[in-house]
Amino acid sequence: MPLFSHLPQYERDNSLSLQVGLAGEEVHPAFVRLGLKMAERSITGSNARCVALLNAFKELIRDYHTPPQKVLSLHLHSALKPLIRFLIDCRPMSLSMGNAIRFVKHKIGQIRDDVPDEQAKKILIQQIDTFIESRIEVAGQAIVNHGVSRIADGDVILTYAKSSVVEMLLKKVCCVLLSP
């Protein structure tokens, strides 16, 4: 379009190979899929990206096998570094994703050495599911319920980016304002 020809023109590069370096590290398929979706921006919204990250962690944990003479908590913790680096290379993390990573690392670090691997993996997956429910889903609903009382008919609302919580809030406000 000639009107905008003076501005730098963006051309989409479908190849991540120029942007993402794996440095010989093996990346779990769940993280490759997530990284590609993040780079393409097909997962939008902080909560959606965070839940997708936590689901990738669950898939990694299910597939994980502790090498002989290694301890699950130490080895799995160190195995996360290249995966997280890969995701950051694909697209910068949201704050909630950083919090989720710290949570998962903390929970991995709490696994005692005497806990069998299969039991430890079940515990970690359950803790991740609890995190998704309590800190993302329930927290989002609490924000929506509180926010409804703060918005009145005639208020102007400006949003900056996609947010599933803001979207739920606006839908609920519309329902409240439009109901008889």
C-alpha atoms as a PDB file:
ATOM      1  CA  MET A   1       0.000   0.000   0.000  1.00  0.00           C
ATOM      2  CA  PRO A   2       1.653   3.249  -1.124  1.00  0.00           C
ATOM      3  CA  LEU A   3       0.373   5.199   1.876  1.00  0.00           C
ATOM      4  CA  PHE A   4       2.620   3.197   4.204  1.00  0.00           C
ATOM      5  CA  SER A   5       5.522   2.541   1.845  1.00  0.00           C
ATOM      6  CA  HIS A   6       7.862   4.806   3.843  1.00  0.00           C
ATOM      7  CA  LEU A   7       7.615   2.463   6.853  1.00  0.00           C
ATOM      8  CA  PRO A   8       9.773  -0.654   7.253  1.00  0.00           C
ATOM      9  CA  GLN A   9       7.949  -3.527   5.600  1.00  0.00           C
ATOM     10  CA  TYR A  10       7.427  -6.698   7.575  1.00  0.00           C
ATOM     11  CA  GLU A  11       7.848  -9.999   5.795  1.00  0.00           C
ATOM     12  CA  ARG A  12       6.874 -13.115   7.656  1.00  0.00           C
ATOM     13  CA  ASP A  13       9.620 -15.731   7.807  1.00  0.00           C
ATOM     14  CA  ASN A  14       8.100 -19.156   8.336  1.00  0.00           C
ATOM     15  CA  SER A  15      11.429 -20.618   9.351  1.00  0.00           C
ATOM     16  CA  LEU A  16      12.532 -20.508  12.956  1.00  0.00           C
ATOM     17  CA  SER A  17      15.962 -21.816  12.056  1.00  0.00           C
ATOM     18  CA  LEU A  18      17.368 -18.322  11.684  1.00  0.00           C
ATOM     19  CA  GLN A  19      15.964 -17.156  15.009  1.00  0.00           C
ATOM     20  CA  VAL A  20      16.156 -20.194  17.284  1.00  0.00           C
ATOM     21  CA  GLY A  21      19.370 -21.977  18.129  1.00  0.00           C
ATOM     22  CA  LEU A  22      19.212 -25.336  19.828  1.00  0.00           C
ATOM     23  CA  ALA A  23      22.972 -25.588  20.385  1.00  0.00           C
ATOM     24  CA  GLY A  24      22.875 -29.374  20.069  1.00  0.00           C
ATOM     25  CA  GLU A  25      20.352 -29.753  22.886  1.00  0.00           C
ATOM     26  CA  GLU A  26      17.477 -32.178  22.508  1.00  0.00           C
ATOM     27  CA  VAL A  27      14.079 -30.494  22.739  1.00  0.00           C
ATOM     28  CA  HIS A  28      11.025 -32.509  23.745  1.00  0.00           C
ATOM     29  CA  PRO A  29       8.358 -32.617  20.980  1.00  0.00           C
ATOM     30  CA  ALA A  30       5.777 -30.927  23.227  1.00  0.00           C
ATOM     31  CA  PHE A  31       8.118 -27.945  23.583  1.00  0.00           C
ATOM     32  CA  VAL A  32       8.858 -27.853  19.861  1.00  0.00           C
ATOM     33  CA  ARG A  33       5.110 -27.749  19.126  1.00  0.00           C
ATOM     34  CA  LEU A  34       4.548 -25.097  21.781  1.00  0.00           C
ATOM     35  CA  GLY A  35       7.494 -23.006  20.593  1.00  0.00           C
ATOM     36  CA  LEU A  36       6.256 -23.062  16.996  1.00  0.00           C
ATOM     37  CA  LYS A  37       2.742 -22.062  18.073  1.00  0.00           C
ATOM     38  CA  MET A  38       4.149 -19.267  20.222  1.00  0.00           C
ATOM     39  CA  ALA A  39       6.361 -18.013  17.385  1.00  0.00           C
ATOM     40  CA  GLU A  40       3.416 -18.044  14.978  1.00  0.00           C
ATOM     41  CA  ARG A  41       1.314 -16.311  17.640  1.00  0.00           C
ATOM     42  CA  SER A  42      -1.386 -18.948  17.255  1.00  0.00           C
ATOM     43  CA  ILE A  43      -1.652 -19.130  21.052  1.00  0.00           C
ATOM     44  CA  THR A  44      -2.683 -15.712  22.295  1.00  0.00           C
ATOM     45  CA  GLY A  45      -3.300 -14.405  25.762  1.00  0.00           C
ATOM     46  CA  SER A  46      -1.164 -14.851  28.829  1.00  0.00           C
ATOM     47  CA  ASN A  47      -3.397 -17.480  30.426  1.00  0.00           C
ATOM     48  CA  ALA A  48      -3.640 -19.560  27.249  1.00  0.00           C
ATOM     49  CA  ARG A  49       0.139 -19.485  26.801  1.00  0.00           C
ATOM     50  CA  CYS A  50       0.690 -20.374  30.452  1.00  0.00           C
ATOM     51  CA  VAL A  51      -1.736 -23.311  30.350  1.00  0.00           C
ATOM     52  CA  ALA A  52      -0.120 -24.523  27.115  1.00  0.00           C
ATOM     53  CA  LEU A  53       3.290 -24.346  28.819  1.00  0.00           C
ATOM     54  CA  LEU A  54       2.051 -26.286  31.833  1.00  0.00           C
ATOM     55  CA  ASN A  55       0.526 -28.926  29.556  1.00  0.00           C
ATOM     56  CA  ALA A  56       3.889 -29.243  27.785  1.00  0.00           C
ATOM     57  CA  PHE A  57       5.522 -29.751  31.189  1.00  0.00           C
ATOM     58  CA  LYS A  58       3.004 -32.495  31.964  1.00  0.00           C
ATOM     59  CA  GLU A  59       3.779 -34.221  28.673  1.00  0.00           C
ATOM     60  CA  LEU A  60       7.519 -33.961  29.353  1.00  0.00           C
ATOM     61  CA  ILE A  61       7.089 -35.402  32.847  1.00  0.00           C
ATOM     62  CA  ARG A  62       4.992 -38.321  31.548  1.00  0.00           C
ATOM     63  CA  ASP A  63       7.694 -39.179  28.994  1.00  0.00           C
ATOM     64  CA  TYR A  64      10.630 -38.581  31.335  1.00  0.00           C
ATOM     65  CA  HIS A  65      12.916 -41.430  32.388  1.00  0.00           C
ATOM     66  CA  THR A  66      15.631 -40.811  34.959  1.00  0.00           C
ATOM     67  CA  PRO A  67      19.023 -41.981  33.648  1.00  0.00           C
ATOM     68  CA  PRO A  68      20.813 -44.664  35.678  1.00  0.00           C
ATOM     69  CA  GLN A  69      22.720 -43.361  38.690  1.00  0.00           C
ATOM     70  CA  LYS A  70      20.827 -40.031  38.534  1.00  0.00           C
ATOM     71  CA  VAL A  71      18.218 -38.497  40.826  1.00  0.00           C
ATOM     72  CA  LEU A  72      14.912 -37.443  39.260  1.00  0.00           C
ATOM     73  CA  SER A  73      14.693 -34.056  40.965  1.00  0.00           C
ATOM     74  CA  LEU A  74      18.217 -32.992  39.988  1.00  0.00           C
ATOM     75  CA  HIS A  75      18.287 -34.394  36.472  1.00  0.00           C
ATOM     76  CA  LEU A  76      14.785 -33.249  35.478  1.00  0.00           C
ATOM     77  CA  HIS A  77      15.503 -29.783  36.852  1.00  0.00           C
ATOM     78  CA  SER A  78      18.624 -29.481  34.678  1.00  0.00           C
ATOM     79  CA  ALA A  79      16.782 -30.928  31.658  1.00  0.00           C
ATOM     80  CA  LEU A  80      14.369 -27.971  31.751  1.00  0.00           C
ATOM     81  CA  LYS A  81      17.007 -25.336  30.959  1.00  0.00           C
ATOM     82  CA  PRO A  82      17.350 -25.970  27.189  1.00  0.00           C
ATOM     83  CA  LEU A  83      13.569 -26.365  26.851  1.00  0.00           C
ATOM     84  CA  ILE A  84      12.884 -23.020  28.486  1.00  0.00           C
ATOM     85  CA  ARG A  85      15.676 -21.379  26.472  1.00  0.00           C
ATOM     86  CA  PHE A  86      14.094 -22.755  23.290  1.00  0.00           C
ATOM     87  CA  LEU A  87      10.703 -21.253  24.207  1.00  0.00           C
ATOM     88  CA  ILE A  88      12.250 -17.881  25.045  1.00  0.00           C
ATOM     89  CA  ASP A  89      14.030 -17.927  21.669  1.00  0.00           C
ATOM     90  CA  CYS A  90      10.673 -18.558  19.991  1.00  0.00           C
ATOM     91  CA  ARG A  91       8.872 -15.759  21.830  1.00  0.00           C
ATOM     92  CA  PRO A  92       9.456 -13.872  25.088  1.00  0.00           C
ATOM     93  CA  MET A  93       7.642 -15.311  28.096  1.00  0.00           C
ATOM     94  CA  SER A  94       4.690 -13.691  29.796  1.00  0.00           C
ATOM     95  CA  LEU A  95       4.872 -13.000  33.526  1.00  0.00           C
ATOM     96  CA  SER A  96       2.494 -15.851  34.265  1.00  0.00           C
ATOM     97  CA  MET A  97       4.694 -18.258  32.297  1.00  0.00           C
ATOM     98  CA  GLY A  98       7.711 -17.215  34.369  1.00  0.00           C
ATOM     99  CA  ASN A  99       5.704 -17.819  37.549  1.00  0.00           C
ATOM    100  CA  ALA A 100       4.596 -21.222  36.251  1.00  0.00           C
ATOM    101  CA  ILE A 101       8.197 -22.195  35.447  1.00  0.00           C
ATOM    102  CA  ARG A 102       9.315 -21.199  38.948  1.00  0.00           C
ATOM    103  CA  PHE A 103       6.422 -23.204  40.408  1.00  0.00           C
ATOM    104  CA  VAL A 104       7.296 -26.344  38.422  1.00  0.00           C
ATOM    105  CA  LYS A 105      10.998 -26.049  39.273  1.00  0.00           C
ATOM    106  CA  HIS A 106      10.143 -25.601  42.946  1.00  0.00           C
ATOM    107  CA  LYS A 107       7.875 -28.665  42.944  1.00  0.00           C
ATOM    108  CA  ILE A 108      10.515 -30.744  41.158  1.00  0.00           C
ATOM    109  CA  GLY A 109      13.042 -29.668  43.782  1.00  0.00           C
ATOM    110  CA  GLN A 110      10.713 -30.822  46.570  1.00  0.00           C
ATOM    111  CA  ILE A 111      10.564 -34.417  45.297  1.00  0.00           C
ATOM    112  CA  ARG A 112      12.397 -36.624  47.799  1.00  0.00           C
ATOM    113  CA  ASP A 113      15.053 -38.999  46.493  1.00  0.00           C
ATOM    114  CA  ASP A 114      13.297 -42.023  48.029  1.00  0.00           C
ATOM    115  CA  VAL A 115      10.067 -41.483  46.054  1.00  0.00           C
ATOM    116  CA  PRO A 116       9.800 -43.876  43.088  1.00  0.00           C
ATOM    117  CA  ASP A 117       9.909 -42.135  39.708  1.00  0.00           C
ATOM    118  CA  GLU A 118       6.392 -43.128  38.630  1.00  0.00           C
ATOM    119  CA  GLN A 119       4.905 -41.867  41.887  1.00  0.00           C
ATOM    120  CA  ALA A 120       6.938 -38.647  41.672  1.00  0.00           C
ATOM    121  CA  LYS A 121       5.710 -38.061  38.122  1.00  0.00           C
ATOM    122  CA  LYS A 122       2.072 -38.550  39.199  1.00  0.00           C
ATOM    123  CA  ILE A 123       2.570 -36.106  42.073  1.00  0.00           C
ATOM    124  CA  LEU A 124       4.120 -33.479  39.774  1.00  0.00           C
ATOM    125  CA  ILE A 125       1.339 -33.809  37.194  1.00  0.00           C
ATOM    126  CA  GLN A 126      -1.310 -33.510  39.913  1.00  0.00           C
ATOM    127  CA  GLN A 127       0.410 -30.395  41.299  1.00  0.00           C
ATOM    128  CA  ILE A 128       0.467 -28.840  37.833  1.00  0.00           C
ATOM    129  CA  ASP A 129      -3.243 -29.613  37.380  1.00  0.00           C
ATOM    130  CA  THR A 130      -3.955 -28.006  40.753  1.00  0.00           C
ATOM    131  CA  PHE A 131      -1.921 -24.940  39.748  1.00  0.00           C
ATOM    132  CA  ILE A 132      -3.915 -24.577  36.517  1.00  0.00           C
ATOM    133  CA  GLU A 133      -7.208 -24.866  38.353  1.00  0.00           C
ATOM    134  CA  SER A 134      -6.495 -22.707  41.397  1.00  0.00           C
ATOM    135  CA  ARG A 135      -4.104 -20.068  40.095  1.00  0.00           C
ATOM    136  CA  ILE A 136      -5.408 -19.612  36.586  1.00  0.00           C
ATOM    137  CA  GLU A 137      -9.018 -20.741  36.261  1.00  0.00           C
ATOM    138  CA  VAL A 138     -10.360 -19.929  39.745  1.00  0.00           C
ATOM    139  CA  ALA A 139      -8.259 -16.763  39.985  1.00  0.00           C
ATOM    140  CA  GLY A 140      -9.585 -15.589  36.621  1.00  0.00           C
ATOM    141  CA  GLN A 141     -13.163 -16.211  37.700  1.00  0.00           C
ATOM    142  CA  ALA A 142     -12.560 -14.280  40.948  1.00  0.00           C
ATOM    143  CA  ILE A 143     -11.227 -11.325  38.947  1.00  0.00           C
ATOM    144  CA  VAL A 144     -14.278 -11.439  36.676  1.00  0.00           C
ATOM    145  CA  ASN A 145     -16.690 -11.577  39.619  1.00  0.00           C
ATOM    146  CA  HIS A 146     -14.995  -8.615  41.294  1.00  0.00           C
ATOM    147  CA  GLY A 147     -14.646  -6.656  38.056  1.00  0.00           C
ATOM    148  CA  VAL A 148     -18.353  -6.845  37.248  1.00  0.00           C
ATOM    149  CA  SER A 149     -19.089  -4.690  40.289  1.00  0.00           C
ATOM    150  CA  ARG A 150     -16.582  -2.050  39.116  1.00  0.00           C
ATOM    151  CA  ILE A 151     -18.054  -1.420  35.658  1.00  0.00           C
ATOM    152  CA  ALA A 152     -21.213   0.620  35.213  1.00  0.00           C
ATOM    153  CA  ASP A 153     -23.412   1.352  32.226  1.00  0.00           C
ATOM    154  CA  GLY A 154     -21.792   4.072  30.134  1.00  0.00           C
ATOM    155  CA  ASP A 155     -18.204   3.348  31.225  1.00  0.00           C
ATOM    156  CA  VAL A 156     -15.554   3.367  28.515  1.00  0.00           C
ATOM    157  CA  ILE A 157     -13.131   0.442  28.573  1.00  0.00           C
ATOM    158  CA  LEU A 158      -9.809   0.417  26.763  1.00  0.00           C
ATOM    159  CA  THR A 159      -7.867  -2.814  26.375  1.00  0.00           C
ATOM    160  CA  TYR A 160      -4.260  -3.217  25.315  1.00  0.00           C
ATOM    161  CA  ALA A 161      -3.976  -6.868  24.295  1.00  0.00           C
ATOM    162  CA  LYS A 162      -5.925 -10.099  24.252  1.00  0.00           C
ATOM    163  CA  SER A 163      -6.883 -11.334  27.683  1.00  0.00           C
ATOM    164  CA  SER A 164      -9.250 -14.214  28.300  1.00  0.00           C
ATOM    165  CA  VAL A 165     -10.083 -12.772  31.735  1.00  0.00           C
ATOM    166  CA  VAL A 166     -10.951  -9.354  30.302  1.00  0.00           C
ATOM    167  CA  GLU A 167     -12.991 -11.049  27.580  1.00  0.00           C
ATOM    168  CA  MET A 168     -14.938 -13.064  30.193  1.00  0.00           C
ATOM    169  CA  LEU A 169     -15.429  -9.901  32.252  1.00  0.00           C
ATOM    170  CA  LEU A 170     -16.796  -7.909  29.322  1.00  0.00           C
ATOM    171  CA  LYS A 171     -19.158 -10.721  28.342  1.00  0.00           C
ATOM    172  CA  LYS A 172     -20.437 -10.980  31.909  1.00  0.00           C
ATOM    173  CA  VAL A 173     -20.863  -7.202  32.157  1.00  0.00           C
ATOM    174  CA  CYS A 174     -22.865  -7.230  28.911  1.00  0.00           C
ATOM    175  CA  CYS A 175     -25.087  -9.996  30.242  1.00  0.00           C
ATOM    176  CA  VAL A 176     -25.650  -8.123  33.521  1.00  0.00           C
ATOM    177  CA  LEU A 177     -26.371  -4.799  31.805  1.00  0.00           C
ATOM    178  CA  LEU A 178     -28.637  -6.302  29.155  1.00  0.00           C
ATOM    179  CA  SER A 179     -30.664  -8.535  31.472  1.00  0.00           C
ATOM    180  CA  PRO A 180     -34.033  -7.167  32.643  1.00  0.00           C
END
